[in-house]
Amino acid sequence: MPPAGQPAPDRQGRRGGIGLGGAAAIGLGAAAIGGIMATQGASRLDDIRSRREERREGDVTVIREPGRTIIRGDDDRVIIRRDETQRFRDLGLDTRSERRGEETVTVYDRPDGTQIVTVTDADGRLIRRSRRERDGGEFVIIDNVRRDGPQARFAEEVVELPPPPLRIPRERYVVDAERADERLIYETITAPPVAPVPRRYTLDEVRYSPDLRAHMRSVDIDTINFDSGSWTVTPDQAGRLRVIAQAVRQAVERAPNEVFMVEGHTDAVGSDVDNISLSDRRAQSVAEILTRDFGIPAENLTTQGYGEQYPKVQTQGDSRENRRVTLRRITPLLTGQNQQ
């Protein structure tokens, strides 16, 4: 058990593992693979398994499947990547892309005349996302470029920080949506970090660093229950996201550069590769509903799957509680700001 006043670890597994710089060096090609394969109609886990391509690249195993690239290190740590612009296309949003040297610039024309500009590198990794106003002004939503070390874009290792002290009740640190009203959810997703954030971090550092994400409160969206092996949100459950959406919309109206991460999880049944793919698709399903059905701007959301790494209930068996998504505001981590 952790010392009193500190949040209990919500994770299992190893530290270190795949260096993110090493992952970048192998040429993941997430944009090319995701952009092509995501349109080929995979709708079930069996479809995805049958279309995986696996090969060894350097000291990692790279598994490509419809819409995703999975990387496994020699220590069996697994991470997943996808093309961040694919969600815009899947939603049928008006986008166009242009190659500029080593980068690809994708522009989404919003109905109000503003534009969302997403820049990715040659490997499909997000570099920057910004909003361009009708008067030509532009402000950054996500800046994914490192500026504090020799690595231009990637951290070599997962960020390790001391567990943040917890001075609020545990149930206010991780809030169950089923038991919360809109006021509590809004308070949770707009709260400042529970401990000072040492600096600004890249989106990739946030994705792969549980110690860092632990600095922000979160909402477990336990109102959505996924069937085993499925990432489908049934129509009768989609409406349960309304309270979450109202809180997020209010936060975005107050600060248009807010970024929220939708995190997908699974139970421990099945392989780690199946589970990380499944969890990533669950996160994307919820993000798409928040945009399509409730009008949350797509640019204010990002998604990440974690498979079975962070169970809510410690069991190796079938667990509906572990098949879930979590919502977390990550803006202070991206900007290095500690105030609300």
C-alpha atoms as a PDB file:
ATOM      1  CA  MET A   1       0.000   0.000   0.000  1.00  0.00           C
ATOM      2  CA  PRO A   2       1.215   3.560  -0.686  1.00  0.00           C
ATOM      3  CA  PRO A   3       1.964   5.939   2.170  1.00  0.00           C
ATOM      4  CA  ALA A   4      -1.014   7.820   3.563  1.00  0.00           C
ATOM      5  CA  GLY A   5      -1.989  10.788   1.452  1.00  0.00           C
ATOM      6  CA  GLN A   6      -0.592   9.371  -1.794  1.00  0.00           C
ATOM      7  CA  PRO A   7      -2.683   7.976  -4.641  1.00  0.00           C
ATOM      8  CA  ALA A   8      -2.531   4.222  -4.978  1.00  0.00           C
ATOM      9  CA  PRO A   9      -0.820   3.095  -8.165  1.00  0.00           C
ATOM     10  CA  ASP A  10      -3.456   2.448 -10.832  1.00  0.00           C
ATOM     11  CA  ARG A  11      -1.103   0.485 -13.008  1.00  0.00           C
ATOM     12  CA  GLN A  12       0.790  -2.756 -13.369  1.00  0.00           C
ATOM     13  CA  GLY A  13       3.857  -3.715 -15.358  1.00  0.00           C
ATOM     14  CA  ARG A  14       7.323  -2.388 -16.023  1.00  0.00           C
ATOM     15  CA  ARG A  15       9.126   0.902 -16.287  1.00  0.00           C
ATOM     16  CA  GLY A  16      11.334   1.920 -19.155  1.00  0.00           C
ATOM     17  CA  GLY A  17      10.811  -0.552 -21.955  1.00  0.00           C
ATOM     18  CA  ILE A  18      10.540   0.788 -25.473  1.00  0.00           C
ATOM     19  CA  GLY A  19      12.368   4.057 -25.832  1.00  0.00           C
ATOM     20  CA  LEU A  20      10.065   6.431 -27.644  1.00  0.00           C
ATOM     21  CA  GLY A  21      13.020   7.668 -29.665  1.00  0.00           C
ATOM     22  CA  GLY A  22      13.648   4.076 -30.707  1.00  0.00           C
ATOM     23  CA  ALA A  23      10.025   3.677 -31.670  1.00  0.00           C
ATOM     24  CA  ALA A  24      10.245   6.787 -33.839  1.00  0.00           C
ATOM     25  CA  ALA A  25      13.460   5.569 -35.455  1.00  0.00           C
ATOM     26  CA  ILE A  26      11.901   2.365 -36.757  1.00  0.00           C
ATOM     27  CA  GLY A  27       9.535   4.333 -38.976  1.00  0.00           C
ATOM     28  CA  LEU A  28       6.092   3.455 -37.705  1.00  0.00           C
ATOM     29  CA  GLY A  29       4.284   4.937 -40.670  1.00  0.00           C
ATOM     30  CA  ALA A  30       1.091   5.295 -38.642  1.00  0.00           C
ATOM     31  CA  ALA A  31      -0.414   7.872 -40.982  1.00  0.00           C
ATOM     32  CA  ALA A  32       0.099   5.867 -44.158  1.00  0.00           C
ATOM     33  CA  ILE A  33      -0.946   2.570 -42.640  1.00  0.00           C
ATOM     34  CA  GLY A  34      -3.831   3.984 -40.615  1.00  0.00           C
ATOM     35  CA  GLY A  35      -5.112   6.238 -43.357  1.00  0.00           C
ATOM     36  CA  ILE A  36      -5.311   3.355 -45.813  1.00  0.00           C
ATOM     37  CA  MET A  37      -6.218   0.399 -43.669  1.00  0.00           C
ATOM     38  CA  ALA A  38      -8.775   2.121 -41.469  1.00  0.00           C
ATOM     39  CA  THR A  39     -11.110   2.381 -44.464  1.00  0.00           C
ATOM     40  CA  GLN A  40     -11.060  -1.330 -45.238  1.00  0.00           C
ATOM     41  CA  GLY A  41     -14.043  -2.299 -43.128  1.00  0.00           C
ATOM     42  CA  ALA A  42     -12.688  -4.113 -40.074  1.00  0.00           C
ATOM     43  CA  SER A  43     -15.535  -4.191 -37.580  1.00  0.00           C
ATOM     44  CA  ARG A  44     -14.737  -7.197 -35.374  1.00  0.00           C
ATOM     45  CA  LEU A  45     -11.680  -8.409 -33.491  1.00  0.00           C
ATOM     46  CA  ASP A  46     -11.540 -11.485 -35.748  1.00  0.00           C
ATOM     47  CA  ASP A  47     -11.309  -9.199 -38.789  1.00  0.00           C
ATOM     48  CA  ILE A  48      -8.417  -7.325 -37.225  1.00  0.00           C
ATOM     49  CA  ARG A  49      -6.500 -10.455 -36.219  1.00  0.00           C
ATOM     50  CA  SER A  50      -6.722 -11.907 -39.722  1.00  0.00           C
ATOM     51  CA  ARG A  51      -5.236  -8.767 -41.268  1.00  0.00           C
ATOM     52  CA  ARG A  52      -2.316  -8.147 -38.926  1.00  0.00           C
ATOM     53  CA  GLU A  53       1.187  -7.968 -40.344  1.00  0.00           C
ATOM     54  CA  GLU A  54       4.046  -8.587 -37.923  1.00  0.00           C
ATOM     55  CA  ARG A  55       7.765  -8.133 -38.400  1.00  0.00           C
ATOM     56  CA  ARG A  56      10.928  -7.489 -36.455  1.00  0.00           C
ATOM     57  CA  GLU A  57      12.425  -4.000 -36.743  1.00  0.00           C
ATOM     58  CA  GLY A  58      15.572  -3.435 -34.716  1.00  0.00           C
ATOM     59  CA  ASP A  59      14.948  -4.365 -31.084  1.00  0.00           C
ATOM     60  CA  VAL A  60      11.156  -4.242 -31.303  1.00  0.00           C
ATOM     61  CA  THR A  61       8.335  -6.184 -32.938  1.00  0.00           C
ATOM     62  CA  VAL A  62       6.001  -4.067 -35.041  1.00  0.00           C
ATOM     63  CA  ILE A  63       2.442  -5.261 -35.623  1.00  0.00           C
ATOM     64  CA  ARG A  64       0.392  -3.385 -38.204  1.00  0.00           C
ATOM     65  CA  GLU A  65      -3.371  -3.830 -38.372  1.00  0.00           C
ATOM     66  CA  PRO A  66      -6.304  -1.855 -39.762  1.00  0.00           C
ATOM     67  CA  GLY A  67      -5.904   1.700 -38.489  1.00  0.00           C
ATOM     68  CA  ARG A  68      -3.249   0.944 -35.852  1.00  0.00           C
ATOM     69  CA  THR A  69       0.437   0.199 -35.328  1.00  0.00           C
ATOM     70  CA  ILE A  70       1.408  -1.777 -32.220  1.00  0.00           C
ATOM     71  CA  ILE A  71       4.994  -1.922 -30.940  1.00  0.00           C
ATOM     72  CA  ARG A  72       6.255  -4.583 -28.531  1.00  0.00           C
ATOM     73  CA  GLY A  73       9.659  -4.366 -26.858  1.00  0.00           C
ATOM     74  CA  ASP A  74      11.843  -7.258 -25.745  1.00  0.00           C
ATOM     75  CA  ASP A  75      10.474  -6.748 -22.212  1.00  0.00           C
ATOM     76  CA  ASP A  76       6.952  -7.369 -23.620  1.00  0.00           C
ATOM     77  CA  ARG A  77       5.866  -3.785 -22.987  1.00  0.00           C
ATOM     78  CA  VAL A  78       3.295  -2.865 -25.647  1.00  0.00           C
ATOM     79  CA  ILE A  79       2.267   0.554 -26.940  1.00  0.00           C
ATOM     80  CA  ILE A  80      -0.102   1.553 -29.727  1.00  0.00           C
ATOM     81  CA  ARG A  81      -0.140   4.352 -32.269  1.00  0.00           C
ATOM     82  CA  ARG A  82      -2.708   5.623 -34.702  1.00  0.00           C
ATOM     83  CA  ASP A  83      -3.107   8.453 -37.212  1.00  0.00           C
ATOM     84  CA  GLU A  84      -4.552  11.356 -35.205  1.00  0.00           C
ATOM     85  CA  THR A  85      -6.255  12.777 -38.304  1.00  0.00           C
ATOM     86  CA  GLN A  86      -8.138   9.560 -39.099  1.00  0.00           C
ATOM     87  CA  ARG A  87     -10.806  10.306 -36.493  1.00  0.00           C
ATOM     88  CA  PHE A  88     -11.659  13.509 -38.385  1.00  0.00           C
ATOM     89  CA  ARG A  89     -12.050  11.547 -41.610  1.00  0.00           C
ATOM     90  CA  ASP A  90     -14.061   8.770 -39.944  1.00  0.00           C
ATOM     91  CA  LEU A  91     -16.478  11.430 -38.712  1.00  0.00           C
ATOM     92  CA  GLY A  92     -16.927  12.649 -42.296  1.00  0.00           C
ATOM     93  CA  LEU A  93     -15.471  16.057 -41.494  1.00  0.00           C
ATOM     94  CA  ASP A  94     -14.290  18.289 -44.335  1.00  0.00           C
ATOM     95  CA  THR A  95     -10.516  17.737 -44.394  1.00  0.00           C
ATOM     96  CA  ARG A  96      -7.751  18.118 -46.951  1.00  0.00           C
ATOM     97  CA  SER A  97      -4.093  17.161 -46.709  1.00  0.00           C
ATOM     98  CA  GLU A  98      -0.910  18.442 -48.301  1.00  0.00           C
ATOM     99  CA  ARG A  99       2.654  17.113 -48.104  1.00  0.00           C
ATOM    100  CA  ARG A 100       5.200  19.815 -47.268  1.00  0.00           C
ATOM    101  CA  GLY A 101       8.682  18.372 -47.291  1.00  0.00           C
ATOM    102  CA  GLU A 102       8.938  15.868 -44.443  1.00  0.00           C
ATOM    103  CA  GLU A 103       5.601  16.929 -42.966  1.00  0.00           C
ATOM    104  CA  THR A 104       1.947  16.469 -43.833  1.00  0.00           C
ATOM    105  CA  VAL A 105      -0.476  19.299 -43.103  1.00  0.00           C
ATOM    106  CA  THR A 106      -4.144  18.365 -42.740  1.00  0.00           C
ATOM    107  CA  VAL A 107      -6.726  21.148 -42.590  1.00  0.00           C
ATOM    108  CA  TYR A 108     -10.259  20.720 -41.281  1.00  0.00           C
ATOM    109  CA  ASP A 109     -12.633  23.501 -42.346  1.00  0.00           C
ATOM    110  CA  ARG A 110     -15.125  24.102 -39.581  1.00  0.00           C
ATOM    111  CA  PRO A 111     -18.631  25.340 -40.463  1.00  0.00           C
ATOM    112  CA  ASP A 112     -17.983  28.616 -38.589  1.00  0.00           C
ATOM    113  CA  GLY A 113     -15.128  29.497 -40.939  1.00  0.00           C
ATOM    114  CA  THR A 114     -12.277  28.608 -38.610  1.00  0.00           C
ATOM    115  CA  GLN A 115      -9.758  25.924 -39.535  1.00  0.00           C
ATOM    116  CA  ILE A 116      -8.099  23.177 -37.523  1.00  0.00           C
ATOM    117  CA  VAL A 117      -4.561  22.570 -38.782  1.00  0.00           C
ATOM    118  CA  THR A 118      -2.844  19.291 -37.872  1.00  0.00           C
ATOM    119  CA  VAL A 119       0.826  18.740 -38.734  1.00  0.00           C
ATOM    120  CA  THR A 120       2.315  15.238 -38.710  1.00  0.00           C
ATOM    121  CA  ASP A 121       5.849  14.078 -39.474  1.00  0.00           C
ATOM    122  CA  ALA A 122       7.049  11.543 -42.038  1.00  0.00           C
ATOM    123  CA  ASP A 123       6.180   8.705 -39.649  1.00  0.00           C
ATOM    124  CA  GLY A 124       2.646   9.955 -39.054  1.00  0.00           C
ATOM    125  CA  ARG A 125       3.299  11.251 -35.546  1.00  0.00           C
ATOM    126  CA  LEU A 126       1.461  14.379 -34.434  1.00  0.00           C
ATOM    127  CA  ILE A 127       3.712  17.434 -34.311  1.00  0.00           C
ATOM    128  CA  ARG A 128       1.233  20.219 -33.738  1.00  0.00           C
ATOM    129  CA  ARG A 129      -2.484  21.003 -33.833  1.00  0.00           C
ATOM    130  CA  SER A 130      -3.743  24.572 -33.958  1.00  0.00           C
ATOM    131  CA  ARG A 131      -6.877  26.609 -34.609  1.00  0.00           C
ATOM    132  CA  ARG A 132      -6.755  29.255 -37.341  1.00  0.00           C
ATOM    133  CA  GLU A 133      -9.305  32.032 -36.916  1.00  0.00           C
ATOM    134  CA  ARG A 134     -11.106  33.775 -39.772  1.00  0.00           C
ATOM    135  CA  ASP A 135      -8.959  36.881 -39.264  1.00  0.00           C
ATOM    136  CA  GLY A 136      -5.788  34.820 -39.764  1.00  0.00           C
ATOM    137  CA  GLY A 137      -4.875  34.580 -36.093  1.00  0.00           C
ATOM    138  CA  GLU A 138      -3.761  31.147 -34.933  1.00  0.00           C
ATOM    139  CA  PHE A 139      -3.302  29.541 -31.532  1.00  0.00           C
ATOM    140  CA  VAL A 140      -1.828  26.172 -30.664  1.00  0.00           C
ATOM    141  CA  ILE A 141      -3.977  23.438 -29.120  1.00  0.00           C
ATOM    142  CA  ILE A 142      -1.337  20.675 -28.958  1.00  0.00           C
ATOM    143  CA  ASP A 143       2.414  21.226 -29.335  1.00  0.00           C
ATOM    144  CA  ASN A 144       4.111  17.830 -29.418  1.00  0.00           C
ATOM    145  CA  VAL A 145       7.698  19.024 -29.938  1.00  0.00           C
ATOM    146  CA  ARG A 146      10.364  18.678 -27.238  1.00  0.00           C
ATOM    147  CA  ARG A 147      12.438  21.762 -26.507  1.00  0.00           C
ATOM    148  CA  ASP A 148      14.272  20.791 -23.337  1.00  0.00           C
ATOM    149  CA  GLY A 149      16.831  18.291 -24.564  1.00  0.00           C
ATOM    150  CA  PRO A 150      18.818  16.960 -27.503  1.00  0.00           C
ATOM    151  CA  GLN A 151      15.945  14.859 -28.771  1.00  0.00           C
ATOM    152  CA  ALA A 152      13.963  17.091 -31.083  1.00  0.00           C
ATOM    153  CA  ARG A 153      10.661  15.300 -30.686  1.00  0.00           C
ATOM    154  CA  PHE A 154      10.709  12.161 -28.592  1.00  0.00           C
ATOM    155  CA  ALA A 155      11.631  11.426 -25.003  1.00  0.00           C
ATOM    156  CA  GLU A 156      13.893   8.391 -24.827  1.00  0.00           C
ATOM    157  CA  GLU A 157      12.197   6.974 -21.760  1.00  0.00           C
ATOM    158  CA  VAL A 158       8.863   7.160 -20.014  1.00  0.00           C
ATOM    159  CA  VAL A 159       8.747  10.113 -17.603  1.00  0.00           C
ATOM    160  CA  GLU A 160       9.100   8.946 -14.010  1.00  0.00           C
ATOM    161  CA  LEU A 161       7.886  11.210 -11.210  1.00  0.00           C
ATOM    162  CA  PRO A 162       7.155  10.642  -7.510  1.00  0.00           C
ATOM    163  CA  PRO A 163       3.527   9.728  -6.837  1.00  0.00           C
ATOM    164  CA  PRO A 164       1.657  13.002  -6.247  1.00  0.00           C
ATOM    165  CA  PRO A 165       0.312  13.496  -2.711  1.00  0.00           C
ATOM    166  CA  LEU A 166      -3.448  13.166  -2.574  1.00  0.00           C
ATOM    167  CA  ARG A 167      -5.210  15.711  -0.387  1.00  0.00           C
ATOM    168  CA  ILE A 168      -8.726  14.973  -1.559  1.00  0.00           C
ATOM    169  CA  PRO A 169     -10.877  11.870  -1.022  1.00  0.00           C
ATOM    170  CA  ARG A 170     -10.072   9.062  -3.395  1.00  0.00           C
ATOM    171  CA  GLU A 171     -13.596   9.151  -4.823  1.00  0.00           C
ATOM    172  CA  ARG A 172     -13.034  12.789  -5.826  1.00  0.00           C
ATOM    173  CA  TYR A 173      -9.717  11.915  -7.482  1.00  0.00           C
ATOM    174  CA  VAL A 174     -11.192   9.200  -9.720  1.00  0.00           C
ATOM    175  CA  VAL A 175     -14.882   9.996 -10.113  1.00  0.00           C
ATOM    176  CA  ASP A 176     -17.398   7.366 -11.198  1.00  0.00           C
ATOM    177  CA  ALA A 177     -19.665   8.973 -13.779  1.00  0.00           C
ATOM    178  CA  GLU A 178     -22.588   6.785 -12.756  1.00  0.00           C
ATOM    179  CA  ARG A 179     -22.607   8.390  -9.289  1.00  0.00           C
ATOM    180  CA  ALA A 180     -21.758  11.959 -10.329  1.00  0.00           C
ATOM    181  CA  ASP A 181     -23.774  14.911 -11.561  1.00  0.00           C
ATOM    182  CA  GLU A 182     -22.637  17.433 -14.151  1.00  0.00           C
ATOM    183  CA  ARG A 183     -21.313  19.812 -11.497  1.00  0.00           C
ATOM    184  CA  LEU A 184     -18.958  17.218 -10.012  1.00  0.00           C
ATOM    185  CA  ILE A 185     -17.816  16.041 -13.433  1.00  0.00           C
ATOM    186  CA  TYR A 186     -17.125  19.614 -14.517  1.00  0.00           C
ATOM    187  CA  GLU A 187     -15.232  20.291 -11.297  1.00  0.00           C
ATOM    188  CA  THR A 188     -13.161  17.133 -11.843  1.00  0.00           C
ATOM    189  CA  ILE A 189     -12.215  17.786 -15.463  1.00  0.00           C
ATOM    190  CA  THR A 190     -11.313  21.434 -14.881  1.00  0.00           C
ATOM    191  CA  ALA A 191      -9.411  21.003 -11.611  1.00  0.00           C
ATOM    192  CA  PRO A 192      -5.715  21.986 -11.516  1.00  0.00           C
ATOM    193  CA  PRO A 193      -3.072  19.282 -11.067  1.00  0.00           C
ATOM    194  CA  VAL A 194      -3.080  17.611  -7.652  1.00  0.00           C
ATOM    195  CA  ALA A 195       0.659  18.363  -7.445  1.00  0.00           C
ATOM    196  CA  PRO A 196       2.921  20.858  -9.266  1.00  0.00           C
ATOM    197  CA  VAL A 197       3.823  19.930 -12.832  1.00  0.00           C
ATOM    198  CA  PRO A 198       7.608  20.328 -13.240  1.00  0.00           C
ATOM    199  CA  ARG A 199       7.540  21.472 -16.891  1.00  0.00           C
ATOM    200  CA  ARG A 200       5.564  21.230 -20.105  1.00  0.00           C
ATOM    201  CA  TYR A 201       5.363  17.761 -21.578  1.00  0.00           C
ATOM    202  CA  THR A 202       4.714  16.462 -25.059  1.00  0.00           C
ATOM    203  CA  LEU A 203       1.567  14.557 -25.891  1.00  0.00           C
ATOM    204  CA  ASP A 204       3.661  11.415 -26.303  1.00  0.00           C
ATOM    205  CA  GLU A 205       5.144  11.810 -22.828  1.00  0.00           C
ATOM    206  CA  VAL A 206       1.640  12.188 -21.422  1.00  0.00           C
ATOM    207  CA  ARG A 207       0.408   9.139 -23.321  1.00  0.00           C
ATOM    208  CA  TYR A 208       3.109   6.815 -22.046  1.00  0.00           C
ATOM    209  CA  SER A 209       3.768   8.141 -18.520  1.00  0.00           C
ATOM    210  CA  PRO A 210       1.322   6.961 -15.831  1.00  0.00           C
ATOM    211  CA  ASP A 211       3.148   8.986 -13.151  1.00  0.00           C
ATOM    212  CA  LEU A 212       2.502  12.115 -15.175  1.00  0.00           C
ATOM    213  CA  ARG A 213      -1.152  11.404 -15.892  1.00  0.00           C
ATOM    214  CA  ALA A 214      -1.631  10.719 -12.172  1.00  0.00           C
ATOM    215  CA  HIS A 215      -1.234  14.468 -11.583  1.00  0.00           C
ATOM    216  CA  MET A 216      -4.705  15.039 -13.063  1.00  0.00           C
ATOM    217  CA  ARG A 217      -8.068  13.939 -11.716  1.00  0.00           C
ATOM    218  CA  SER A 218     -10.186  11.730 -13.972  1.00  0.00           C
ATOM    219  CA  VAL A 219     -13.697  10.448 -14.613  1.00  0.00           C
ATOM    220  CA  ASP A 220     -14.371   6.749 -15.122  1.00  0.00           C
ATOM    221  CA  ILE A 221     -17.200   6.593 -17.646  1.00  0.00           C
ATOM    222  CA  ASP A 222     -18.750   3.520 -16.071  1.00  0.00           C
ATOM    223  CA  THR A 223     -22.113   4.377 -17.609  1.00  0.00           C
ATOM    224  CA  ILE A 224     -20.821   2.762 -20.823  1.00  0.00           C
ATOM    225  CA  ASN A 225     -20.427  -1.028 -20.692  1.00  0.00           C
ATOM    226  CA  PHE A 226     -18.660  -2.828 -23.528  1.00  0.00           C
ATOM    227  CA  ASP A 227     -19.313  -6.430 -24.425  1.00  0.00           C
ATOM    228  CA  SER A 228     -16.261  -8.676 -24.287  1.00  0.00           C
ATOM    229  CA  GLY A 229     -14.233  -8.300 -27.485  1.00  0.00           C
ATOM    230  CA  SER A 230     -16.290  -5.309 -28.669  1.00  0.00           C
ATOM    231  CA  TRP A 231     -15.681  -1.584 -29.041  1.00  0.00           C
ATOM    232  CA  THR A 232     -19.268  -0.810 -30.061  1.00  0.00           C
ATOM    233  CA  VAL A 233     -21.275   1.673 -28.008  1.00  0.00           C
ATOM    234  CA  THR A 234     -24.908   0.682 -28.444  1.00  0.00           C
ATOM    235  CA  PRO A 235     -27.435   3.448 -29.224  1.00  0.00           C
ATOM    236  CA  ASP A 236     -29.158   3.065 -25.860  1.00  0.00           C
ATOM    237  CA  GLN A 237     -25.833   3.664 -24.090  1.00  0.00           C
ATOM    238  CA  ALA A 238     -24.659   6.577 -26.234  1.00  0.00           C
ATOM    239  CA  GLY A 239     -27.185   8.864 -24.567  1.00  0.00           C
ATOM    240  CA  ARG A 240     -25.520   8.218 -21.226  1.00  0.00           C
ATOM    241  CA  LEU A 241     -22.602  10.353 -22.396  1.00  0.00           C
ATOM    242  CA  ARG A 242     -24.775  13.473 -22.322  1.00  0.00           C
ATOM    243  CA  VAL A 243     -23.721  14.589 -18.832  1.00  0.00           C
ATOM    244  CA  ILE A 244     -20.045  14.058 -19.703  1.00  0.00           C
ATOM    245  CA  ALA A 245     -20.493  15.972 -22.943  1.00  0.00           C
ATOM    246  CA  GLN A 246     -22.198  18.897 -21.217  1.00  0.00           C
ATOM    247  CA  ALA A 247     -19.308  19.246 -18.783  1.00  0.00           C
ATOM    248  CA  VAL A 248     -16.702  19.037 -21.550  1.00  0.00           C
ATOM    249  CA  ARG A 249     -18.592  21.545 -23.697  1.00  0.00           C
ATOM    250  CA  GLN A 250     -18.725  24.007 -20.830  1.00  0.00           C
ATOM    251  CA  ALA A 251     -14.981  23.616 -20.253  1.00  0.00           C
ATOM    252  CA  VAL A 252     -14.169  24.124 -23.947  1.00  0.00           C
ATOM    253  CA  GLU A 253     -16.407  27.189 -24.171  1.00  0.00           C
ATOM    254  CA  ARG A 254     -14.470  28.671 -21.266  1.00  0.00           C
ATOM    255  CA  ALA A 255     -11.048  27.778 -22.715  1.00  0.00           C
ATOM    256  CA  PRO A 256     -11.029  26.716 -26.414  1.00  0.00           C
ATOM    257  CA  ASN A 257      -7.529  25.228 -26.195  1.00  0.00           C
ATOM    258  CA  GLU A 258      -8.474  22.576 -23.622  1.00  0.00           C
ATOM    259  CA  VAL A 259      -7.355  19.018 -24.444  1.00  0.00           C
ATOM    260  CA  PHE A 260      -9.075  15.951 -23.026  1.00  0.00           C
ATOM    261  CA  MET A 261      -7.748  12.411 -23.339  1.00  0.00           C
ATOM    262  CA  VAL A 262     -10.202   9.564 -23.710  1.00  0.00           C
ATOM    263  CA  GLU A 263      -8.427   6.465 -22.380  1.00  0.00           C
ATOM    264  CA  GLY A 264      -9.562   2.954 -23.264  1.00  0.00           C
ATOM    265  CA  HIS A 265      -9.210  -0.127 -21.046  1.00  0.00           C
ATOM    266  CA  THR A 266      -9.968  -3.844 -21.147  1.00  0.00           C
ATOM    267  CA  ASP A 267     -10.132  -6.746 -18.762  1.00  0.00           C
ATOM    268  CA  ALA A 268      -7.300  -9.298 -18.664  1.00  0.00           C
ATOM    269  CA  VAL A 269      -9.022 -11.875 -20.875  1.00  0.00           C
ATOM    270  CA  GLY A 270      -7.240 -12.333 -24.209  1.00  0.00           C
ATOM    271  CA  SER A 271      -3.782 -11.441 -25.523  1.00  0.00           C
ATOM    272  CA  ASP A 272      -2.066  -8.141 -24.749  1.00  0.00           C
ATOM    273  CA  VAL A 273      -2.026  -7.248 -28.463  1.00  0.00           C
ATOM    274  CA  ASP A 274      -5.763  -7.883 -28.820  1.00  0.00           C
ATOM    275  CA  ASN A 275      -6.455  -5.926 -25.652  1.00  0.00           C
ATOM    276  CA  ILE A 276      -4.447  -2.832 -26.483  1.00  0.00           C
ATOM    277  CA  SER A 277      -6.053  -2.687 -29.933  1.00  0.00           C
ATOM    278  CA  LEU A 278      -9.507  -3.211 -28.457  1.00  0.00           C
ATOM    279  CA  SER A 279      -9.012  -0.542 -25.800  1.00  0.00           C
ATOM    280  CA  ASP A 280      -7.764   1.999 -28.335  1.00  0.00           C
ATOM    281  CA  ARG A 281     -10.854   1.438 -30.470  1.00  0.00           C
ATOM    282  CA  ARG A 282     -13.108   1.806 -27.423  1.00  0.00           C
ATOM    283  CA  ALA A 283     -11.553   5.169 -26.692  1.00  0.00           C
ATOM    284  CA  GLN A 284     -12.053   6.277 -30.286  1.00  0.00           C
ATOM    285  CA  SER A 285     -15.681   5.086 -30.299  1.00  0.00           C
ATOM    286  CA  VAL A 286     -16.485   7.280 -27.292  1.00  0.00           C
ATOM    287  CA  ALA A 287     -14.580  10.263 -28.712  1.00  0.00           C
ATOM    288  CA  GLU A 288     -16.487   9.981 -31.983  1.00  0.00           C
ATOM    289  CA  ILE A 289     -19.841   9.926 -30.176  1.00  0.00           C
ATOM    290  CA  LEU A 290     -18.878  12.991 -28.137  1.00  0.00           C
ATOM    291  CA  THR A 291     -18.228  14.842 -31.398  1.00  0.00           C
ATOM    292  CA  ARG A 292     -20.926  13.417 -33.657  1.00  0.00           C
ATOM    293  CA  ASP A 293     -23.818  13.274 -31.201  1.00  0.00           C
ATOM    294  CA  PHE A 294     -22.957  16.042 -28.738  1.00  0.00           C
ATOM    295  CA  GLY A 295     -20.915  18.546 -30.735  1.00  0.00           C
ATOM    296  CA  ILE A 296     -17.653  18.365 -28.778  1.00  0.00           C
ATOM    297  CA  PRO A 297     -14.964  19.712 -31.148  1.00  0.00           C
ATOM    298  CA  ALA A 298     -12.841  16.842 -32.442  1.00  0.00           C
ATOM    299  CA  GLU A 299      -9.676  18.895 -32.012  1.00  0.00           C
ATOM    300  CA  ASN A 300     -10.158  19.110 -28.242  1.00  0.00           C
ATOM    301  CA  LEU A 301     -10.092  15.338 -27.867  1.00  0.00           C
ATOM    302  CA  THR A 302      -7.320  12.796 -28.189  1.00  0.00           C
ATOM    303  CA  THR A 303      -7.484   9.069 -27.532  1.00  0.00           C
ATOM    304  CA  GLN A 304      -5.221   6.335 -26.205  1.00  0.00           C
ATOM    305  CA  GLY A 305      -5.653   2.653 -25.449  1.00  0.00           C
ATOM    306  CA  TYR A 306      -3.936   0.960 -22.511  1.00  0.00           C
ATOM    307  CA  GLY A 307      -5.285  -2.562 -22.777  1.00  0.00           C
ATOM    308  CA  GLU A 308      -5.265  -4.468 -19.496  1.00  0.00           C
ATOM    309  CA  GLN A 309      -2.478  -2.408 -17.868  1.00  0.00           C
ATOM    310  CA  TYR A 310      -4.599  -0.363 -15.432  1.00  0.00           C
ATOM    311  CA  PRO A 311      -7.499  -2.473 -14.138  1.00  0.00           C
ATOM    312  CA  LYS A 312     -10.140  -0.946 -11.929  1.00  0.00           C
ATOM    313  CA  VAL A 313     -10.791  -4.348 -10.358  1.00  0.00           C
ATOM    314  CA  GLN A 314      -7.804  -6.595  -9.688  1.00  0.00           C
ATOM    315  CA  THR A 315      -8.830  -9.809 -11.419  1.00  0.00           C
ATOM    316  CA  GLN A 316      -7.499 -11.922 -14.257  1.00  0.00           C
ATOM    317  CA  GLY A 317     -10.992 -12.987 -15.229  1.00  0.00           C
ATOM    318  CA  ASP A 318     -13.820 -11.481 -17.235  1.00  0.00           C
ATOM    319  CA  SER A 319     -14.704  -8.091 -15.727  1.00  0.00           C
ATOM    320  CA  ARG A 320     -17.224  -5.640 -17.146  1.00  0.00           C
ATOM    321  CA  GLU A 321     -15.896  -2.953 -14.775  1.00  0.00           C
ATOM    322  CA  ASN A 322     -12.481  -3.176 -16.402  1.00  0.00           C
ATOM    323  CA  ARG A 323     -13.949  -2.830 -19.915  1.00  0.00           C
ATOM    324  CA  ARG A 324     -14.318   0.926 -19.703  1.00  0.00           C
ATOM    325  CA  VAL A 325     -13.118   4.334 -20.820  1.00  0.00           C
ATOM    326  CA  THR A 326     -11.756   7.193 -18.708  1.00  0.00           C
ATOM    327  CA  LEU A 327     -11.773  10.933 -19.407  1.00  0.00           C
ATOM    328  CA  ARG A 328      -8.909  13.118 -18.235  1.00  0.00           C
ATOM    329  CA  ARG A 329      -8.036  16.765 -18.861  1.00  0.00           C
ATOM    330  CA  ILE A 330      -4.373  16.968 -19.887  1.00  0.00           C
ATOM    331  CA  THR A 331      -4.025  20.646 -20.821  1.00  0.00           C
ATOM    332  CA  PRO A 332      -1.892  21.566 -17.756  1.00  0.00           C
ATOM    333  CA  LEU A 333       0.507  18.720 -18.579  1.00  0.00           C
ATOM    334  CA  LEU A 334       0.913  19.959 -22.144  1.00  0.00           C
ATOM    335  CA  THR A 335       1.418  23.583 -21.098  1.00  0.00           C
ATOM    336  CA  GLY A 336       3.242  23.136 -17.795  1.00  0.00           C
ATOM    337  CA  GLN A 337       0.693  25.323 -16.033  1.00  0.00           C
ATOM    338  CA  ASN A 338      -0.305  24.445 -12.489  1.00  0.00           C
ATOM    339  CA  GLN A 339      -3.275  26.765 -12.047  1.00  0.00           C
ATOM    340  CA  GLN A 340      -6.819  26.167 -13.154  1.00  0.00           C
END
